[in-house]
Amino acid sequence: FDYMFKLLIIGNSSVGKTSFLFRYADDSFTSAFVSTVGIDFKVKTVFKNEKRIKLQIW
């Protein structure tokens, strides 16, 4: 990768942070999530202006 960014999703409990994370990173959605205990993160690589950008989304 050419660049790496770490993104942090913050918000109140039960507002859909994990659903947003999975929808963006994996292009998937399920309504059956239970409350996250601890930390959940995903890695996604995107391409912009012929550069590979690695996103670590927490």
PDB file of N, CA and C in Angstrom:
ATOM      1  N   PHE A   1       0.829  -1.181   0.000  1.00  0.00           N
ATOM      2  CA  PHE A   1       0.000   0.000   0.000  1.00  0.00           C
ATOM      3  C   PHE A   1       0.873   1.244   0.000  1.00  0.00           C
ATOM      4  N   ASP A   2       0.322   2.313  -0.492  1.00  0.00           N
ATOM      5  CA  ASP A   2       1.050   3.579  -0.553  1.00  0.00           C
ATOM      6  C   ASP A   2       0.801   4.448   0.682  1.00  0.00           C
ATOM      7  N   TYR A   3      -0.400   4.360   1.221  1.00  0.00           N
ATOM      8  CA  TYR A   3      -0.767   5.126   2.412  1.00  0.00           C
ATOM      9  C   TYR A   3      -1.554   4.229   3.355  1.00  0.00           C
ATOM     10  N   MET A   4      -1.507   4.555   4.653  1.00  0.00           N
ATOM     11  CA  MET A   4      -2.329   3.846   5.626  1.00  0.00           C
ATOM     12  C   MET A   4      -2.962   4.872   6.561  1.00  0.00           C
ATOM     13  N   PHE A   5      -4.258   4.695   6.782  1.00  0.00           N
ATOM     14  CA  PHE A   5      -4.987   5.566   7.702  1.00  0.00           C
ATOM     15  C   PHE A   5      -5.703   4.700   8.720  1.00  0.00           C
ATOM     16  N   LYS A   6      -5.770   5.174   9.942  1.00  0.00           N
ATOM     17  CA  LYS A   6      -6.544   4.526  10.994  1.00  0.00           C
ATOM     18  C   LYS A   6      -7.756   5.403  11.270  1.00  0.00           C
ATOM     19  N   LEU A   7      -8.935   4.794  11.169  1.00  0.00           N
ATOM     20  CA  LEU A   7     -10.185   5.515  11.396  1.00  0.00           C
ATOM     21  C   LEU A   7     -10.859   4.942  12.630  1.00  0.00           C
ATOM     22  N   LEU A   8     -11.402   5.793  13.454  1.00  0.00           N
ATOM     23  CA  LEU A   8     -12.077   5.376  14.673  1.00  0.00           C
ATOM     24  C   LEU A   8     -13.538   5.780  14.592  1.00  0.00           C
ATOM     25  N   ILE A   9     -14.420   4.802  14.764  1.00  0.00           N
ATOM     26  CA  ILE A   9     -15.855   5.069  14.764  1.00  0.00           C
ATOM     27  C   ILE A   9     -16.288   5.186  16.221  1.00  0.00           C
ATOM     28  N   ILE A  10     -16.881   6.315  16.565  1.00  0.00           N
ATOM     29  CA  ILE A  10     -17.348   6.498  17.938  1.00  0.00           C
ATOM     30  C   ILE A  10     -18.834   6.822  17.933  1.00  0.00           C
ATOM     31  N   GLY A  11     -19.497   6.504  19.023  1.00  0.00           N
ATOM     32  CA  GLY A  11     -20.917   6.807  19.148  1.00  0.00           C
ATOM     33  C   GLY A  11     -21.511   6.088  20.334  1.00  0.00           C
ATOM     34  N   ASN A  12     -22.731   6.413  20.623  1.00  0.00           N
ATOM     35  CA  ASN A  12     -23.451   5.775  21.727  1.00  0.00           C
ATOM     36  C   ASN A  12     -23.659   4.296  21.444  1.00  0.00           C
ATOM     37  N   SER A  13     -24.018   3.557  22.467  1.00  0.00           N
ATOM     38  CA  SER A  13     -24.265   2.124  22.291  1.00  0.00           C
ATOM     39  C   SER A  13     -25.547   1.906  21.482  1.00  0.00           C
ATOM     40  N   SER A  14     -25.553   0.822  20.731  1.00  0.00           N
ATOM     41  CA  SER A  14     -26.721   0.378  19.948  1.00  0.00           C
ATOM     42  C   SER A  14     -27.149   1.358  18.857  1.00  0.00           C
ATOM     43  N   VAL A  15     -26.195   2.078  18.265  1.00  0.00           N
ATOM     44  CA  VAL A  15     -26.554   2.998  17.180  1.00  0.00           C
ATOM     45  C   VAL A  15     -26.159   2.478  15.802  1.00  0.00           C
ATOM     46  N   GLY A  16     -25.410   1.350  15.737  1.00  0.00           N
ATOM     47  CA  GLY A  16     -25.073   0.760  14.446  1.00  0.00           C
ATOM     48  C   GLY A  16     -23.631   0.908  14.017  1.00  0.00           C
ATOM     49  N   LYS A  17     -22.731   1.134  14.951  1.00  0.00           N
ATOM     50  CA  LYS A  17     -21.312   1.287  14.589  1.00  0.00           C
ATOM     51  C   LYS A  17     -20.766   0.020  13.946  1.00  0.00           C
ATOM     52  N   THR A  18     -21.048  -1.132  14.529  1.00  0.00           N
ATOM     53  CA  THR A  18     -20.564  -2.401  13.971  1.00  0.00           C
ATOM     54  C   THR A  18     -21.230  -2.693  12.633  1.00  0.00           C
ATOM     55  N   SER A  19     -22.510  -2.415  12.512  1.00  0.00           N
ATOM     56  CA  SER A  19     -23.204  -2.609  11.232  1.00  0.00           C
ATOM     57  C   SER A  19     -22.599  -1.724  10.151  1.00  0.00           C
ATOM     58  N   PHE A  20     -22.296  -0.483  10.490  1.00  0.00           N
ATOM     59  CA  PHE A  20     -21.645   0.430   9.546  1.00  0.00           C
ATOM     60  C   PHE A  20     -20.281  -0.105   9.132  1.00  0.00           C
ATOM     61  N   LEU A  21     -19.519  -0.586  10.111  1.00  0.00           N
ATOM     62  CA  LEU A  21     -18.185  -1.134   9.855  1.00  0.00           C
ATOM     63  C   LEU A  21     -18.249  -2.299   8.876  1.00  0.00           C
ATOM     64  N   PHE A  22     -19.124  -3.269   9.124  1.00  0.00           N
ATOM     65  CA  PHE A  22     -19.241  -4.431   8.245  1.00  0.00           C
ATOM     66  C   PHE A  22     -19.799  -4.047   6.880  1.00  0.00           C
ATOM     67  N   ARG A  23     -20.731  -3.120   6.837  1.00  0.00           N
ATOM     68  CA  ARG A  23     -21.315  -2.703   5.560  1.00  0.00           C
ATOM     69  C   ARG A  23     -20.259  -2.043   4.677  1.00  0.00           C
ATOM     70  N   TYR A  24     -19.446  -1.177   5.256  1.00  0.00           N
ATOM     71  CA  TYR A  24     -18.427  -0.487   4.467  1.00  0.00           C
ATOM     72  C   TYR A  24     -17.267  -1.409   4.093  1.00  0.00           C
ATOM     73  N   ALA A  25     -16.768  -2.185   5.054  1.00  0.00           N
ATOM     74  CA  ALA A  25     -15.567  -2.990   4.823  1.00  0.00           C
ATOM     75  C   ALA A  25     -15.850  -4.255   4.019  1.00  0.00           C
ATOM     76  N   ASP A  26     -16.968  -4.908   4.283  1.00  0.00           N
ATOM     77  CA  ASP A  26     -17.270  -6.198   3.647  1.00  0.00           C
ATOM     78  C   ASP A  26     -18.435  -6.142   2.669  1.00  0.00           C
ATOM     79  N   ASP A  27     -19.108  -5.008   2.576  1.00  0.00           N
ATOM     80  CA  ASP A  27     -20.311  -4.875   1.759  1.00  0.00           C
ATOM     81  C   ASP A  27     -21.348  -5.918   2.147  1.00  0.00           C
ATOM     82  N   SER A  28     -21.499  -6.119   3.460  1.00  0.00           N
ATOM     83  CA  SER A  28     -22.485  -7.068   3.962  1.00  0.00           C
ATOM     84  C   SER A  28     -23.270  -6.415   5.090  1.00  0.00           C
ATOM     85  N   PHE A  29     -24.458  -6.940   5.347  1.00  0.00           N
ATOM     86  CA  PHE A  29     -25.278  -6.415   6.435  1.00  0.00           C
ATOM     87  C   PHE A  29     -26.055  -7.553   7.065  1.00  0.00           C
ATOM     88  N   THR A  30     -26.117  -7.541   8.373  1.00  0.00           N
ATOM     89  CA  THR A  30     -26.984  -8.450   9.106  1.00  0.00           C
ATOM     90  C   THR A  30     -27.577  -7.681  10.271  1.00  0.00           C
ATOM     91  N   SER A  31     -28.811  -7.947  10.564  1.00  0.00           N
ATOM     92  CA  SER A  31     -29.461  -7.255  11.677  1.00  0.00           C
ATOM     93  C   SER A  31     -29.333  -8.043  12.975  1.00  0.00           C
ATOM     94  N   ALA A  32     -28.558  -9.122  12.956  1.00  0.00           N
ATOM     95  CA  ALA A  32     -28.467 -10.016  14.112  1.00  0.00           C
ATOM     96  C   ALA A  32     -27.243  -9.759  14.991  1.00  0.00           C
ATOM     97  N   PHE A  33     -26.666  -8.567  14.939  1.00  0.00           N
ATOM     98  CA  PHE A  33     -25.506  -8.282  15.779  1.00  0.00           C
ATOM     99  C   PHE A  33     -25.902  -8.195  17.243  1.00  0.00           C
ATOM    100  N   VAL A  34     -25.020  -8.677  18.094  1.00  0.00           N
ATOM    101  CA  VAL A  34     -25.173  -8.477  19.531  1.00  0.00           C
ATOM    102  C   VAL A  34     -24.173  -7.402  19.940  1.00  0.00           C
ATOM    103  N   SER A  35     -24.313  -6.865  21.111  1.00  0.00           N
ATOM    104  CA  SER A  35     -23.415  -5.802  21.567  1.00  0.00           C
ATOM    105  C   SER A  35     -21.967  -6.254  21.502  1.00  0.00           C
ATOM    106  N   THR A  36     -21.115  -5.381  20.991  1.00  0.00           N
ATOM    107  CA  THR A  36     -19.689  -5.674  20.891  1.00  0.00           C
ATOM    108  C   THR A  36     -19.046  -5.525  22.259  1.00  0.00           C
ATOM    109  N   VAL A  37     -18.304  -6.543  22.656  1.00  0.00           N
ATOM    110  CA  VAL A  37     -17.554  -6.487  23.904  1.00  0.00           C
ATOM    111  C   VAL A  37     -16.084  -6.403  23.518  1.00  0.00           C
ATOM    112  N   GLY A  38     -15.409  -5.360  23.934  1.00  0.00           N
ATOM    113  CA  GLY A  38     -14.012  -5.173  23.550  1.00  0.00           C
ATOM    114  C   GLY A  38     -13.919  -4.306  22.318  1.00  0.00           C
ATOM    115  N   ILE A  39     -13.027  -4.691  21.415  1.00  0.00           N
ATOM    116  CA  ILE A  39     -12.748  -3.884  20.224  1.00  0.00           C
ATOM    117  C   ILE A  39     -12.991  -4.717  18.974  1.00  0.00           C
ATOM    118  N   ASP A  40     -13.566  -4.105  17.971  1.00  0.00           N
ATOM    119  CA  ASP A  40     -13.811  -4.748  16.686  1.00  0.00           C
ATOM    120  C   ASP A  40     -13.200  -3.853  15.616  1.00  0.00           C
ATOM    121  N   PHE A  41     -12.465  -4.440  14.671  1.00  0.00           N
ATOM    122  CA  PHE A  41     -11.912  -3.616  13.597  1.00  0.00           C
ATOM    123  C   PHE A  41     -11.835  -4.406  12.311  1.00  0.00           C
ATOM    124  N   LYS A  42     -11.767  -3.683  11.222  1.00  0.00           N
ATOM    125  CA  LYS A  42     -11.657  -4.258   9.883  1.00  0.00           C
ATOM    126  C   LYS A  42     -10.581  -3.503   9.113  1.00  0.00           C
ATOM    127  N   VAL A  43     -10.043  -4.159   8.102  1.00  0.00           N
ATOM    128  CA  VAL A  43      -9.068  -3.535   7.210  1.00  0.00           C
ATOM    129  C   VAL A  43      -9.656  -3.552   5.807  1.00  0.00           C
ATOM    130  N   LYS A  44      -9.566  -2.431   5.135  1.00  0.00           N
ATOM    131  CA  LYS A  44     -10.055  -2.333   3.761  1.00  0.00           C
ATOM    132  C   LYS A  44      -9.021  -1.576   2.938  1.00  0.00           C
ATOM    133  N   THR A  45      -8.772  -2.056   1.737  1.00  0.00           N
ATOM    134  CA  THR A  45      -7.870  -1.368   0.817  1.00  0.00           C
ATOM    135  C   THR A  45      -8.707  -0.719  -0.272  1.00  0.00           C
ATOM    136  N   VAL A  46      -8.473   0.553  -0.484  1.00  0.00           N
ATOM    137  CA  VAL A  46      -9.169   1.292  -1.534  1.00  0.00           C
ATOM    138  C   VAL A  46      -8.129   1.880  -2.478  1.00  0.00           C
ATOM    139  N   PHE A  47      -8.565   2.223  -3.670  1.00  0.00           N
ATOM    140  CA  PHE A  47      -7.682   2.801  -4.678  1.00  0.00           C
ATOM    141  C   PHE A  47      -8.180   4.193  -5.032  1.00  0.00           C
ATOM    142  N   LYS A  48      -7.277   5.156  -5.014  1.00  0.00           N
ATOM    143  CA  LYS A  48      -7.610   6.543  -5.336  1.00  0.00           C
ATOM    144  C   LYS A  48      -6.423   7.154  -6.064  1.00  0.00           C
ATOM    145  N   ASN A  49      -6.667   7.676  -7.256  1.00  0.00           N
ATOM    146  CA  ASN A  49      -5.608   8.296  -8.062  1.00  0.00           C
ATOM    147  C   ASN A  49      -4.399   7.368  -8.226  1.00  0.00           C
ATOM    148  N   GLU A  50      -4.675   6.111  -8.536  1.00  0.00           N
ATOM    149  CA  GLU A  50      -3.649   5.087  -8.767  1.00  0.00           C
ATOM    150  C   GLU A  50      -2.782   4.812  -7.537  1.00  0.00           C
ATOM    151  N   LYS A  51      -3.284   5.115  -6.366  1.00  0.00           N
ATOM    152  CA  LYS A  51      -2.589   4.831  -5.106  1.00  0.00           C
ATOM    153  C   LYS A  51      -3.417   3.829  -4.314  1.00  0.00           C
ATOM    154  N   ARG A  52      -2.728   2.904  -3.658  1.00  0.00           N
ATOM    155  CA  ARG A  52      -3.391   1.950  -2.774  1.00  0.00           C
ATOM    156  C   ARG A  52      -3.417   2.538  -1.367  1.00  0.00           C
ATOM    157  N   ILE A  53      -4.597   2.602  -0.802  1.00  0.00           N
ATOM    158  CA  ILE A  53      -4.767   3.181   0.527  1.00  0.00           C
ATOM    159  C   ILE A  53      -5.344   2.113   1.445  1.00  0.00           C
ATOM    160  N   LYS A  54      -4.630   1.825   2.505  1.00  0.00           N
ATOM    161  CA  LYS A  54      -5.074   0.835   3.482  1.00  0.00           C
ATOM    162  C   LYS A  54      -5.780   1.566   4.617  1.00  0.00           C
ATOM    163  N   LEU A  55      -7.017   1.163   4.890  1.00  0.00           N
ATOM    164  CA  LEU A  55      -7.790   1.756   5.972  1.00  0.00           C
ATOM    165  C   LEU A  55      -7.924   0.743   7.098  1.00  0.00           C
ATOM    166  N   GLN A  56      -7.513   1.103   8.272  1.00  0.00           N
ATOM    167  CA  GLN A  56      -7.780   0.306   9.467  1.00  0.00           C
ATOM    168  C   GLN A  56      -8.926   1.009  10.179  1.00  0.00           C
ATOM    169  N   ILE A  57     -10.071   0.353  10.197  1.00  0.00           N
ATOM    170  CA  ILE A  57     -11.271   0.976  10.752  1.00  0.00           C
ATOM    171  C   ILE A  57     -11.578   0.309  12.083  1.00  0.00           C
ATOM    172  N   TRP A  58     -11.572   1.082  13.141  1.00  0.00           N
ATOM    173  CA  TRP A  58     -11.790   0.588  14.507  1.00  0.00           C
ATOM    174  C   TRP A  58     -13.132   1.055  15.008  1.00  0.00           C
TER     175      TRP A  58
END
